[in-house]
Amino acid sequence: MPIYEYKCEQTGTIYEVSQRINDAPLTKCANKNCECEGISNTHRIISKNIGVIFNGSGFYKTDYVKNSSNKTSTTTPCGCSECPHAAK
């Protein structure tokens, strides 16, 4: 289940609540340690604690590697005398 962050409008306390995606947002403060004691209105805030899970194919660096048969040679002589690619 996703974890949503809420902010108490009276005290400004930010707290987390684990809810289903289909559940309606809370309207009253559900923080048990809040000074408003559940009386204040609350609203869901956009949080930065997003956990992204990459599942399935297409997320590995080897999935995007082109075949070597399609590549053309891009090596050029460097001009130094010690390099194996040096022009002679």
PDB file of N, CA and C in Angstrom:
ATOM      1  N   MET A   1       0.839  -1.184   0.000  1.00  0.00           N
ATOM      2  CA  MET A   1       0.000   0.000   0.000  1.00  0.00           C
ATOM      3  C   MET A   1       0.885   1.249   0.000  1.00  0.00           C
ATOM      4  N   PRO A   2       0.458   2.261  -0.727  1.00  0.00           N
ATOM      5  CA  PRO A   2       1.223   3.512  -0.749  1.00  0.00           C
ATOM      6  C   PRO A   2       1.147   4.252   0.577  1.00  0.00           C
ATOM      7  N   ILE A   3       2.175   5.020   0.831  1.00  0.00           N
ATOM      8  CA  ILE A   3       2.210   5.862   2.029  1.00  0.00           C
ATOM      9  C   ILE A   3       2.032   7.302   1.579  1.00  0.00           C
ATOM     10  N   TYR A   4       1.004   7.969   2.125  1.00  0.00           N
ATOM     11  CA  TYR A   4       0.717   9.354   1.787  1.00  0.00           C
ATOM     12  C   TYR A   4       1.088  10.258   2.947  1.00  0.00           C
ATOM     13  N   GLU A   5       1.488  11.467   2.622  1.00  0.00           N
ATOM     14  CA  GLU A   5       1.791  12.458   3.647  1.00  0.00           C
ATOM     15  C   GLU A   5       0.621  13.426   3.754  1.00  0.00           C
ATOM     16  N   TYR A   6       0.276  13.745   4.983  1.00  0.00           N
ATOM     17  CA  TYR A   6      -0.791  14.697   5.269  1.00  0.00           C
ATOM     18  C   TYR A   6      -0.242  15.801   6.156  1.00  0.00           C
ATOM     19  N   LYS A   7      -0.896  16.944   6.103  1.00  0.00           N
ATOM     20  CA  LYS A   7      -0.490  18.073   6.927  1.00  0.00           C
ATOM     21  C   LYS A   7      -1.695  18.576   7.704  1.00  0.00           C
ATOM     22  N   CYS A   8      -1.536  18.670   9.016  1.00  0.00           N
ATOM     23  CA  CYS A   8      -2.579  19.200   9.889  1.00  0.00           C
ATOM     24  C   CYS A   8      -2.637  20.717   9.670  1.00  0.00           C
ATOM     25  N   GLU A   9      -3.813  21.236   9.380  1.00  0.00           N
ATOM     26  CA  GLU A   9      -3.942  22.668   9.101  1.00  0.00           C
ATOM     27  C   GLU A   9      -3.781  23.531  10.359  1.00  0.00           C
ATOM     28  N   GLN A  10      -4.110  22.992  11.510  1.00  0.00           N
ATOM     29  CA  GLN A  10      -4.016  23.772  12.740  1.00  0.00           C
ATOM     30  C   GLN A  10      -2.585  23.882  13.247  1.00  0.00           C
ATOM     31  N   THR A  11      -1.873  22.763  13.294  1.00  0.00           N
ATOM     32  CA  THR A  11      -0.531  22.759  13.879  1.00  0.00           C
ATOM     33  C   THR A  11       0.583  22.744  12.828  1.00  0.00           C
ATOM     34  N   GLY A  12       0.264  22.375  11.601  1.00  0.00           N
ATOM     35  CA  GLY A  12       1.279  22.287  10.556  1.00  0.00           C
ATOM     36  C   GLY A  12       2.101  21.010  10.616  1.00  0.00           C
ATOM     37  N   THR A  13       1.696  20.078  11.451  1.00  0.00           N
ATOM     38  CA  THR A  13       2.403  18.807  11.600  1.00  0.00           C
ATOM     39  C   THR A  13       2.215  17.957  10.353  1.00  0.00           C
ATOM     40  N   ILE A  14       3.307  17.399   9.861  1.00  0.00           N
ATOM     41  CA  ILE A  14       3.255  16.505   8.706  1.00  0.00           C
ATOM     42  C   ILE A  14       3.412  15.081   9.211  1.00  0.00           C
ATOM     43  N   TYR A  15       2.526  14.206   8.752  1.00  0.00           N
ATOM     44  CA  TYR A  15       2.560  12.810   9.181  1.00  0.00           C
ATOM     45  C   TYR A  15       2.229  11.910   8.002  1.00  0.00           C
ATOM     46  N   GLU A  16       2.546  10.633   8.130  1.00  0.00           N
ATOM     47  CA  GLU A  16       2.342   9.662   7.068  1.00  0.00           C
ATOM     48  C   GLU A  16       1.214   8.710   7.410  1.00  0.00           C
ATOM     49  N   VAL A  17       0.453   8.338   6.370  1.00  0.00           N
ATOM     50  CA  VAL A  17      -0.646   7.392   6.539  1.00  0.00           C
ATOM     51  C   VAL A  17      -0.563   6.385   5.394  1.00  0.00           C
ATOM     52  N   SER A  18      -0.654   5.104   5.734  1.00  0.00           N
ATOM     53  CA  SER A  18      -0.662   4.052   4.730  1.00  0.00           C
ATOM     54  C   SER A  18      -2.111   3.820   4.299  1.00  0.00           C
ATOM     55  N   GLN A  19      -2.393   4.052   3.011  1.00  0.00           N
ATOM     56  CA  GLN A  19      -3.740   3.909   2.481  1.00  0.00           C
ATOM     57  C   GLN A  19      -3.709   3.197   1.143  1.00  0.00           C
ATOM     58  N   ARG A  20      -4.851   2.647   0.773  1.00  0.00           N
ATOM     59  CA  ARG A  20      -4.985   2.087  -0.566  1.00  0.00           C
ATOM     60  C   ARG A  20      -5.139   3.230  -1.560  1.00  0.00           C
ATOM     61  N   ILE A  21      -4.824   2.966  -2.799  1.00  0.00           N
ATOM     62  CA  ILE A  21      -4.938   3.979  -3.836  1.00  0.00           C
ATOM     63  C   ILE A  21      -6.393   4.404  -4.009  1.00  0.00           C
ATOM     64  N   ASN A  22      -7.320   3.476  -3.857  1.00  0.00           N
ATOM     65  CA  ASN A  22      -8.737   3.765  -4.054  1.00  0.00           C
ATOM     66  C   ASN A  22      -9.375   4.500  -2.873  1.00  0.00           C
ATOM     67  N   ASP A  23      -8.718   4.547  -1.724  1.00  0.00           N
ATOM     68  CA  ASP A  23      -9.290   5.212  -0.549  1.00  0.00           C
ATOM     69  C   ASP A  23      -9.367   6.720  -0.766  1.00  0.00           C
ATOM     70  N   ALA A  24     -10.417   7.308  -0.238  1.00  0.00           N
ATOM     71  CA  ALA A  24     -10.574   8.761  -0.313  1.00  0.00           C
ATOM     72  C   ALA A  24      -9.564   9.428   0.616  1.00  0.00           C
ATOM     73  N   PRO A  25      -9.089  10.629   0.267  1.00  0.00           N
ATOM     74  CA  PRO A  25      -8.161  11.348   1.151  1.00  0.00           C
ATOM     75  C   PRO A  25      -8.812  11.663   2.496  1.00  0.00           C
ATOM     76  N   LEU A  26      -7.993  11.699   3.533  1.00  0.00           N
ATOM     77  CA  LEU A  26      -8.503  12.030   4.866  1.00  0.00           C
ATOM     78  C   LEU A  26      -8.929  13.492   4.913  1.00  0.00           C
ATOM     79  N   THR A  27      -9.935  13.783   5.738  1.00  0.00           N
ATOM     80  CA  THR A  27     -10.379  15.166   5.899  1.00  0.00           C
ATOM     81  C   THR A  27     -10.069  15.694   7.293  1.00  0.00           C
ATOM     82  N   LYS A  28      -9.961  14.812   8.263  1.00  0.00           N
ATOM     83  CA  LYS A  28      -9.622  15.193   9.638  1.00  0.00           C
ATOM     84  C   LYS A  28      -8.266  14.621  10.007  1.00  0.00           C
ATOM     85  N   CYS A  29      -7.568  15.305  10.896  1.00  0.00           N
ATOM     86  CA  CYS A  29      -6.229  14.901  11.305  1.00  0.00           C
ATOM     87  C   CYS A  29      -6.259  13.517  11.948  1.00  0.00           C
ATOM     88  N   ALA A  30      -5.420  12.625  11.454  1.00  0.00           N
ATOM     89  CA  ALA A  30      -5.354  11.255  11.964  1.00  0.00           C
ATOM     90  C   ALA A  30      -4.069  10.992  12.739  1.00  0.00           C
ATOM     91  N   ASN A  31      -3.289  12.040  12.995  1.00  0.00           N
ATOM     92  CA  ASN A  31      -2.048  11.892  13.734  1.00  0.00           C
ATOM     93  C   ASN A  31      -2.374  11.775  15.229  1.00  0.00           C
ATOM     94  N   LYS A  32      -2.027  10.654  15.836  1.00  0.00           N
ATOM     95  CA  LYS A  32      -2.351  10.417  17.241  1.00  0.00           C
ATOM     96  C   LYS A  32      -1.555  11.312  18.183  1.00  0.00           C
ATOM     97  N   ASN A  33      -0.405  11.817  17.740  1.00  0.00           N
ATOM     98  CA  ASN A  33       0.441  12.658  18.588  1.00  0.00           C
ATOM     99  C   ASN A  33       0.225  14.149  18.346  1.00  0.00           C
ATOM    100  N   CYS A  34      -0.745  14.513  17.535  1.00  0.00           N
ATOM    101  CA  CYS A  34      -0.973  15.910  17.192  1.00  0.00           C
ATOM    102  C   CYS A  34      -1.717  16.627  18.316  1.00  0.00           C
ATOM    103  N   GLU A  35      -1.410  17.903  18.508  1.00  0.00           N
ATOM    104  CA  GLU A  35      -2.035  18.706  19.563  1.00  0.00           C
ATOM    105  C   GLU A  35      -3.504  18.995  19.280  1.00  0.00           C
ATOM    106  N   CYS A  36      -3.942  18.897  18.027  1.00  0.00           N
ATOM    107  CA  CYS A  36      -5.337  19.198  17.697  1.00  0.00           C
ATOM    108  C   CYS A  36      -6.282  18.079  18.110  1.00  0.00           C
ATOM    109  N   GLU A  37      -5.753  16.935  18.433  1.00  0.00           N
ATOM    110  CA  GLU A  37      -6.507  15.766  18.893  1.00  0.00           C
ATOM    111  C   GLU A  37      -7.566  15.302  17.899  1.00  0.00           C
ATOM    112  N   GLY A  38      -7.275  15.406  16.615  1.00  0.00           N
ATOM    113  CA  GLY A  38      -8.176  14.901  15.582  1.00  0.00           C
ATOM    114  C   GLY A  38      -9.294  15.842  15.186  1.00  0.00           C
ATOM    115  N   ILE A  39      -9.283  17.057  15.693  1.00  0.00           N
ATOM    116  CA  ILE A  39     -10.345  18.019  15.397  1.00  0.00           C
ATOM    117  C   ILE A  39     -10.053  18.810  14.124  1.00  0.00           C
ATOM    118  N   SER A  40      -8.810  19.106  13.855  1.00  0.00           N
ATOM    119  CA  SER A  40      -8.414  19.965  12.743  1.00  0.00           C
ATOM    120  C   SER A  40      -8.597  19.278  11.394  1.00  0.00           C
ATOM    121  N   ASN A  41      -8.822  20.085  10.377  1.00  0.00           N
ATOM    122  CA  ASN A  41      -8.847  19.576   9.008  1.00  0.00           C
ATOM    123  C   ASN A  41      -7.427  19.233   8.585  1.00  0.00           C
ATOM    124  N   THR A  42      -7.320  18.352   7.621  1.00  0.00           N
ATOM    125  CA  THR A  42      -6.020  17.941   7.107  1.00  0.00           C
ATOM    126  C   THR A  42      -6.095  17.842   5.593  1.00  0.00           C
ATOM    127  N   HIS A  43      -4.965  17.915   4.942  1.00  0.00           N
ATOM    128  CA  HIS A  43      -4.948  17.736   3.496  1.00  0.00           C
ATOM    129  C   HIS A  43      -3.699  16.974   3.079  1.00  0.00           C
ATOM    130  N   ARG A  44      -3.856  16.237   1.996  1.00  0.00           N
ATOM    131  CA  ARG A  44      -2.754  15.428   1.464  1.00  0.00           C
ATOM    132  C   ARG A  44      -1.782  16.348   0.748  1.00  0.00           C
ATOM    133  N   ILE A  45      -0.518  16.135   0.995  1.00  0.00           N
ATOM    134  CA  ILE A  45       0.503  16.941   0.337  1.00  0.00           C
ATOM    135  C   ILE A  45       1.304  16.067  -0.619  1.00  0.00           C
ATOM    136  N   ILE A  46       1.921  16.693  -1.577  1.00  0.00           N
ATOM    137  CA  ILE A  46       2.775  15.975  -2.522  1.00  0.00           C
ATOM    138  C   ILE A  46       4.119  15.751  -1.845  1.00  0.00           C
ATOM    139  N   SER A  47       4.513  14.507  -1.742  1.00  0.00           N
ATOM    140  CA  SER A  47       5.765  14.201  -1.053  1.00  0.00           C
ATOM    141  C   SER A  47       6.842  13.823  -2.047  1.00  0.00           C
ATOM    142  N   LYS A  48       8.070  13.821  -1.559  1.00  0.00           N
ATOM    143  CA  LYS A  48       9.222  13.474  -2.386  1.00  0.00           C
ATOM    144  C   LYS A  48       9.660  12.033  -2.185  1.00  0.00           C
ATOM    145  N   ASN A  49       9.019  11.317  -1.280  1.00  0.00           N
ATOM    146  CA  ASN A  49       9.452   9.951  -0.977  1.00  0.00           C
ATOM    147  C   ASN A  49       8.771   8.952  -1.910  1.00  0.00           C
ATOM    148  N   ILE A  50       9.050   9.088  -3.181  1.00  0.00           N
ATOM    149  CA  ILE A  50       8.456   8.221  -4.180  1.00  0.00           C
ATOM    150  C   ILE A  50       9.408   7.061  -4.432  1.00  0.00           C
ATOM    151  N   GLY A  51       8.932   5.870  -4.241  1.00  0.00           N
ATOM    152  CA  GLY A  51       9.728   4.685  -4.519  1.00  0.00           C
ATOM    153  C   GLY A  51       9.366   4.135  -5.881  1.00  0.00           C
ATOM    154  N   VAL A  52      10.259   4.249  -6.825  1.00  0.00           N
ATOM    155  CA  VAL A  52      10.006   3.767  -8.176  1.00  0.00           C
ATOM    156  C   VAL A  52      10.577   2.368  -8.299  1.00  0.00           C
ATOM    157  N   ILE A  53       9.758   1.469  -8.781  1.00  0.00           N
ATOM    158  CA  ILE A  53      10.195   0.091  -8.970  1.00  0.00           C
ATOM    159  C   ILE A  53      10.146  -0.212 -10.454  1.00  0.00           C
ATOM    160  N   PHE A  54      11.295  -0.536 -11.034  1.00  0.00           N
ATOM    161  CA  PHE A  54      11.358  -0.915 -12.429  1.00  0.00           C
ATOM    162  C   PHE A  54      11.215  -2.417 -12.512  1.00  0.00           C
ATOM    163  N   ASN A  55      10.152  -2.876 -13.128  1.00  0.00           N
ATOM    164  CA  ASN A  55       9.852  -4.288 -13.205  1.00  0.00           C
ATOM    165  C   ASN A  55       9.737  -4.701 -14.667  1.00  0.00           C
ATOM    166  N   GLY A  56      10.267  -5.823 -15.035  1.00  0.00           N
ATOM    167  CA  GLY A  56      10.134  -6.315 -16.390  1.00  0.00           C
ATOM    168  C   GLY A  56      11.359  -6.033 -17.230  1.00  0.00           C
ATOM    169  N   SER A  57      11.244  -6.344 -18.502  1.00  0.00           N
ATOM    170  CA  SER A  57      12.388  -6.154 -19.388  1.00  0.00           C
ATOM    171  C   SER A  57      12.462  -4.707 -19.845  1.00  0.00           C
ATOM    172  N   GLY A  58      13.627  -4.315 -20.301  1.00  0.00           N
ATOM    173  CA  GLY A  58      13.813  -2.973 -20.818  1.00  0.00           C
ATOM    174  C   GLY A  58      14.467  -2.025 -19.837  1.00  0.00           C
ATOM    175  N   PHE A  59      14.903  -2.506 -18.697  1.00  0.00           N
ATOM    176  CA  PHE A  59      15.481  -1.627 -17.691  1.00  0.00           C
ATOM    177  C   PHE A  59      16.942  -1.953 -17.397  1.00  0.00           C
ATOM    178  N   TYR A  60      17.544  -2.737 -18.229  1.00  0.00           N
ATOM    179  CA  TYR A  60      18.945  -3.064 -18.050  1.00  0.00           C
ATOM    180  C   TYR A  60      19.740  -2.454 -19.193  1.00  0.00           C
ATOM    181  N   LYS A  61      20.975  -2.094 -18.923  1.00  0.00           N
ATOM    182  CA  LYS A  61      21.780  -1.459 -19.959  1.00  0.00           C
ATOM    183  C   LYS A  61      22.020  -2.386 -21.138  1.00  0.00           C
ATOM    184  N   THR A  62      21.961  -3.705 -20.910  1.00  0.00           N
ATOM    185  CA  THR A  62      22.176  -4.639 -22.009  1.00  0.00           C
ATOM    186  C   THR A  62      20.965  -4.732 -22.928  1.00  0.00           C
ATOM    187  N   ASP A  63      19.801  -4.280 -22.481  1.00  0.00           N
ATOM    188  CA  ASP A  63      18.608  -4.320 -23.323  1.00  0.00           C
ATOM    189  C   ASP A  63      18.657  -3.298 -24.441  1.00  0.00           C
ATOM    190  N   TYR A  64      19.477  -2.279 -24.301  1.00  0.00           N
ATOM    191  CA  TYR A  64      19.525  -1.219 -25.291  1.00  0.00           C
ATOM    192  C   TYR A  64      20.802  -1.234 -26.123  1.00  0.00           C
ATOM    193  N   VAL A  65      21.632  -2.247 -25.945  1.00  0.00           N
ATOM    194  CA  VAL A  65      22.879  -2.336 -26.695  1.00  0.00           C
ATOM    195  C   VAL A  65      22.563  -2.765 -28.117  1.00  0.00           C
ATOM    196  N   LYS A  66      23.106  -2.019 -29.064  1.00  0.00           N
ATOM    197  CA  LYS A  66      22.895  -2.361 -30.467  1.00  0.00           C
ATOM    198  C   LYS A  66      23.832  -3.493 -30.858  1.00  0.00           C
ATOM    199  N   ASN A  67      23.424  -4.251 -31.837  1.00  0.00           N
ATOM    200  CA  ASN A  67      24.267  -5.339 -32.331  1.00  0.00           C
ATOM    201  C   ASN A  67      25.536  -4.769 -32.941  1.00  0.00           C
ATOM    202  N   SER A  68      26.647  -5.476 -32.730  1.00  0.00           N
ATOM    203  CA  SER A  68      27.919  -4.997 -33.265  1.00  0.00           C
ATOM    204  C   SER A  68      27.943  -5.068 -34.785  1.00  0.00           C
ATOM    205  N   SER A  69      27.105  -5.900 -35.404  1.00  0.00           N
ATOM    206  CA  SER A  69      27.083  -5.999 -36.863  1.00  0.00           C
ATOM    207  C   SER A  69      26.516  -4.729 -37.495  1.00  0.00           C
ATOM    208  N   ASN A  70      25.727  -3.972 -36.746  1.00  0.00           N
ATOM    209  CA  ASN A  70      25.146  -2.744 -37.279  1.00  0.00           C
ATOM    210  C   ASN A  70      26.076  -1.551 -37.117  1.00  0.00           C
ATOM    211  N   LYS A  71      27.118  -1.688 -36.329  1.00  0.00           N
ATOM    212  CA  LYS A  71      28.014  -0.579 -36.062  1.00  0.00           C
ATOM    213  C   LYS A  71      29.094  -0.487 -37.132  1.00  0.00           C
ATOM    214  N   THR A  72      29.501   0.714 -37.423  1.00  0.00           N
ATOM    215  CA  THR A  72      30.638   0.920 -38.303  1.00  0.00           C
ATOM    216  C   THR A  72      31.819   1.320 -37.444  1.00  0.00           C
ATOM    217  N   SER A  73      32.986   1.089 -37.937  1.00  0.00           N
ATOM    218  CA  SER A  73      34.183   1.392 -37.174  1.00  0.00           C
ATOM    219  C   SER A  73      34.336   2.903 -37.046  1.00  0.00           C
ATOM    220  N   THR A  74      34.511   3.363 -35.798  1.00  0.00           N
ATOM    221  CA  THR A  74      34.665   4.795 -35.553  1.00  0.00           C
ATOM    222  C   THR A  74      36.059   5.119 -35.036  1.00  0.00           C
ATOM    223  N   THR A  75      36.967   4.139 -35.043  1.00  0.00           N
ATOM    224  CA  THR A  75      38.316   4.397 -34.543  1.00  0.00           C
ATOM    225  C   THR A  75      39.107   5.124 -35.613  1.00  0.00           C
ATOM    226  N   THR A  76      39.828   6.097 -35.169  1.00  0.00           N
ATOM    227  CA  THR A  76      40.677   6.867 -36.082  1.00  0.00           C
ATOM    228  C   THR A  76      42.074   6.901 -35.506  1.00  0.00           C
ATOM    229  N   PRO A  77      43.067   7.011 -36.354  1.00  0.00           N
ATOM    230  CA  PRO A  77      44.433   7.114 -35.852  1.00  0.00           C
ATOM    231  C   PRO A  77      44.585   8.369 -35.008  1.00  0.00           C
ATOM    232  N   CYS A  78      45.315   8.243 -33.919  1.00  0.00           N
ATOM    233  CA  CYS A  78      45.451   9.381 -33.016  1.00  0.00           C
ATOM    234  C   CYS A  78      46.647  10.271 -33.344  1.00  0.00           C
ATOM    235  N   GLY A  79      47.608   9.777 -34.043  1.00  0.00           N
ATOM    236  CA  GLY A  79      48.739  10.601 -34.431  1.00  0.00           C
ATOM    237  C   GLY A  79      49.968  10.419 -33.555  1.00  0.00           C
ATOM    238  N   CYS A  80      49.889   9.667 -32.480  1.00  0.00           N
ATOM    239  CA  CYS A  80      51.071   9.466 -31.653  1.00  0.00           C
ATOM    240  C   CYS A  80      51.856   8.264 -32.167  1.00  0.00           C
ATOM    241  N   SER A  81      53.132   8.203 -31.831  1.00  0.00           N
ATOM    242  CA  SER A  81      53.964   7.125 -32.348  1.00  0.00           C
ATOM    243  C   SER A  81      53.870   5.855 -31.507  1.00  0.00           C
ATOM    244  N   GLU A  82      53.353   5.929 -30.287  1.00  0.00           N
ATOM    245  CA  GLU A  82      53.307   4.770 -29.408  1.00  0.00           C
ATOM    246  C   GLU A  82      51.968   4.034 -29.457  1.00  0.00           C
ATOM    247  N   CYS A  83      50.982   4.610 -30.026  1.00  0.00           N
ATOM    248  CA  CYS A  83      49.638   4.021 -30.069  1.00  0.00           C
ATOM    249  C   CYS A  83      49.568   2.964 -31.168  1.00  0.00           C
ATOM    250  N   PRO A  84      48.851   1.852 -30.930  1.00  0.00           N
ATOM    251  CA  PRO A  84      48.728   0.838 -31.978  1.00  0.00           C
ATOM    252  C   PRO A  84      47.948   1.345 -33.186  1.00  0.00           C
ATOM    253  N   HIS A  85      47.194   2.417 -33.037  1.00  0.00           N
ATOM    254  CA  HIS A  85      46.429   2.978 -34.155  1.00  0.00           C
ATOM    255  C   HIS A  85      47.210   4.065 -34.887  1.00  0.00           C
ATOM    256  N   ALA A  86      48.459   4.273 -34.522  1.00  0.00           N
ATOM    257  CA  ALA A  86      49.231   5.363 -35.105  1.00  0.00           C
ATOM    258  C   ALA A  86      49.403   5.174 -36.607  1.00  0.00           C
ATOM    259  N   ALA A  87      49.301   6.262 -37.300  1.00  0.00           N
ATOM    260  CA  ALA A  87      49.509   6.232 -38.747  1.00  0.00           C
ATOM    261  C   ALA A  87      50.999   6.053 -39.036  1.00  0.00           C
ATOM    262  N   LYS A  88      51.336   5.134 -39.930  1.00  0.00           N
ATOM    263  CA  LYS A  88      52.740   4.867 -40.228  1.00  0.00           C
ATOM    264  C   LYS A  88      53.059   5.230 -41.634  1.00  0.00           C
TER     265      LYS A  88
END
